[in-house]
Amino acid sequence: MSRTTGFSRYVCDRCGTTVHAPDGGQEVQAWQEVKRVTASGTGITRLLCPACAKAYYDLAQGQDTGFTAFMEAGRKREEQ
């Protein structure tokens, strides 16, 4: 029986995709650990596969745009 060391198991917190890959291998470099703060101020961290990471960043960009608009609307109200 042989043994190979230096592998990790990656499981996407969103879709459950699982890979076993060499530590630092190219296969897992596209996996992303994302950090988010909930509306109540709680910080959370999640591990996402490449497909879910792309979907998350698309969602986050929309949220960033909404937050920017929210902040600008407050400044405009103060200027009036």
C-alpha atoms as a PDB file:
ATOM      1  CA  MET A   1       0.000   0.000   0.000  1.00  0.00           C
ATOM      2  CA  SER A   2       1.395   3.370  -0.927  1.00  0.00           C
ATOM      3  CA  ARG A   3       0.698   6.650   0.724  1.00  0.00           C
ATOM      4  CA  THR A   4       0.760  10.113  -0.790  1.00  0.00           C
ATOM      5  CA  THR A   5       0.837  13.133   1.491  1.00  0.00           C
ATOM      6  CA  GLY A   6       0.307  16.848   0.856  1.00  0.00           C
ATOM      7  CA  PHE A   7      -3.279  16.717  -0.379  1.00  0.00           C
ATOM      8  CA  SER A   8      -6.285  18.658   0.853  1.00  0.00           C
ATOM      9  CA  ARG A   9     -10.012  18.198   0.423  1.00  0.00           C
ATOM     10  CA  TYR A  10     -11.892  21.275  -0.753  1.00  0.00           C
ATOM     11  CA  VAL A  11     -15.684  21.447  -0.364  1.00  0.00           C
ATOM     12  CA  CYS A  12     -17.653  24.404  -1.704  1.00  0.00           C
ATOM     13  CA  ASP A  13     -19.839  25.876   1.037  1.00  0.00           C
ATOM     14  CA  ARG A  14     -22.476  26.789  -1.549  1.00  0.00           C
ATOM     15  CA  CYS A  15     -22.891  23.851  -3.943  1.00  0.00           C
ATOM     16  CA  GLY A  16     -20.954  21.061  -2.226  1.00  0.00           C
ATOM     17  CA  THR A  17     -18.505  20.453  -5.062  1.00  0.00           C
ATOM     18  CA  THR A  18     -15.616  18.448  -3.636  1.00  0.00           C
ATOM     19  CA  VAL A  19     -12.060  18.044  -4.924  1.00  0.00           C
ATOM     20  CA  HIS A  20      -8.993  16.348  -3.516  1.00  0.00           C
ATOM     21  CA  ALA A  21      -5.941  18.171  -4.778  1.00  0.00           C
ATOM     22  CA  PRO A  22      -2.268  18.620  -3.972  1.00  0.00           C
ATOM     23  CA  ASP A  23      -1.638  21.466  -1.554  1.00  0.00           C
ATOM     24  CA  GLY A  24      -0.962  24.610  -3.564  1.00  0.00           C
ATOM     25  CA  GLY A  25      -1.841  22.831  -6.798  1.00  0.00           C
ATOM     26  CA  GLN A  26      -3.134  24.700  -9.806  1.00  0.00           C
ATOM     27  CA  GLU A  27      -6.477  22.883  -9.586  1.00  0.00           C
ATOM     28  CA  VAL A  28      -7.459  24.724  -6.401  1.00  0.00           C
ATOM     29  CA  GLN A  29      -5.954  28.141  -7.078  1.00  0.00           C
ATOM     30  CA  ALA A  30      -9.274  29.385  -8.461  1.00  0.00           C
ATOM     31  CA  TRP A  31     -11.092  28.443  -5.250  1.00  0.00           C
ATOM     32  CA  GLN A  32     -11.869  31.531  -3.189  1.00  0.00           C
ATOM     33  CA  GLU A  33     -12.311  32.136   0.501  1.00  0.00           C
ATOM     34  CA  VAL A  34     -14.744  35.044   0.666  1.00  0.00           C
ATOM     35  CA  LYS A  35     -15.354  37.224   3.688  1.00  0.00           C
ATOM     36  CA  ARG A  36     -18.630  39.014   4.164  1.00  0.00           C
ATOM     37  CA  VAL A  37     -20.282  41.095   6.841  1.00  0.00           C
ATOM     38  CA  THR A  38     -23.980  40.450   7.379  1.00  0.00           C
ATOM     39  CA  ALA A  39     -26.524  43.235   7.823  1.00  0.00           C
ATOM     40  CA  SER A  40     -26.248  42.721  11.583  1.00  0.00           C
ATOM     41  CA  GLY A  41     -22.467  43.200  11.466  1.00  0.00           C
ATOM     42  CA  THR A  42     -21.425  39.573  11.867  1.00  0.00           C
ATOM     43  CA  GLY A  43     -18.399  38.523   9.828  1.00  0.00           C
ATOM     44  CA  ILE A  44     -18.556  35.210   7.984  1.00  0.00           C
ATOM     45  CA  THR A  45     -16.074  33.373   5.786  1.00  0.00           C
ATOM     46  CA  ARG A  46     -17.000  30.831   3.136  1.00  0.00           C
ATOM     47  CA  LEU A  47     -14.999  28.679   0.701  1.00  0.00           C
ATOM     48  CA  LEU A  48     -16.344  28.758  -2.865  1.00  0.00           C
ATOM     49  CA  CYS A  49     -15.497  26.713  -5.957  1.00  0.00           C
ATOM     50  CA  PRO A  50     -14.603  28.690  -9.099  1.00  0.00           C
ATOM     51  CA  ALA A  51     -18.189  28.717 -10.475  1.00  0.00           C
ATOM     52  CA  CYS A  52     -19.751  29.807  -7.184  1.00  0.00           C
ATOM     53  CA  ALA A  53     -16.983  32.372  -6.609  1.00  0.00           C
ATOM     54  CA  LYS A  54     -17.812  34.007  -9.951  1.00  0.00           C
ATOM     55  CA  ALA A  55     -21.526  34.051  -9.092  1.00  0.00           C
ATOM     56  CA  TYR A  56     -20.716  35.554  -5.674  1.00  0.00           C
ATOM     57  CA  TYR A  57     -18.544  38.317  -7.124  1.00  0.00           C
ATOM     58  CA  ASP A  58     -21.259  39.186  -9.645  1.00  0.00           C
ATOM     59  CA  LEU A  59     -23.729  39.440  -6.739  1.00  0.00           C
ATOM     60  CA  ALA A  60     -21.284  41.458  -4.625  1.00  0.00           C
ATOM     61  CA  GLN A  61     -20.690  43.947  -7.453  1.00  0.00           C
ATOM     62  CA  GLY A  62     -24.441  44.588  -7.610  1.00  0.00           C
ATOM     63  CA  GLN A  63     -24.513  45.075  -3.844  1.00  0.00           C
ATOM     64  CA  ASP A  64     -21.548  47.468  -4.080  1.00  0.00           C
ATOM     65  CA  THR A  65     -23.397  49.502  -6.702  1.00  0.00           C
ATOM     66  CA  GLY A  66     -26.497  49.637  -4.502  1.00  0.00           C
ATOM     67  CA  PHE A  67     -24.460  50.688  -1.460  1.00  0.00           C
ATOM     68  CA  THR A  68     -22.721  53.439  -3.434  1.00  0.00           C
ATOM     69  CA  ALA A  69     -26.100  54.749  -4.620  1.00  0.00           C
ATOM     70  CA  PHE A  70     -27.391  54.637  -1.024  1.00  0.00           C
ATOM     71  CA  MET A  71     -24.438  56.703   0.214  1.00  0.00           C
ATOM     72  CA  GLU A  72     -24.661  59.232  -2.622  1.00  0.00           C
ATOM     73  CA  ALA A  73     -28.392  59.742  -2.034  1.00  0.00           C
ATOM     74  CA  GLY A  74     -27.640  60.731   1.578  1.00  0.00           C
ATOM     75  CA  ARG A  75     -25.040  63.262   0.494  1.00  0.00           C
ATOM     76  CA  LYS A  76     -27.398  64.800  -2.045  1.00  0.00           C
ATOM     77  CA  ARG A  77     -30.087  65.151   0.618  1.00  0.00           C
ATOM     78  CA  GLU A  78     -27.617  66.965   2.911  1.00  0.00           C
ATOM     79  CA  GLU A  79     -26.668  69.385   0.112  1.00  0.00           C
ATOM     80  CA  GLN A  80     -30.259  70.521  -0.417  1.00  0.00           C
END
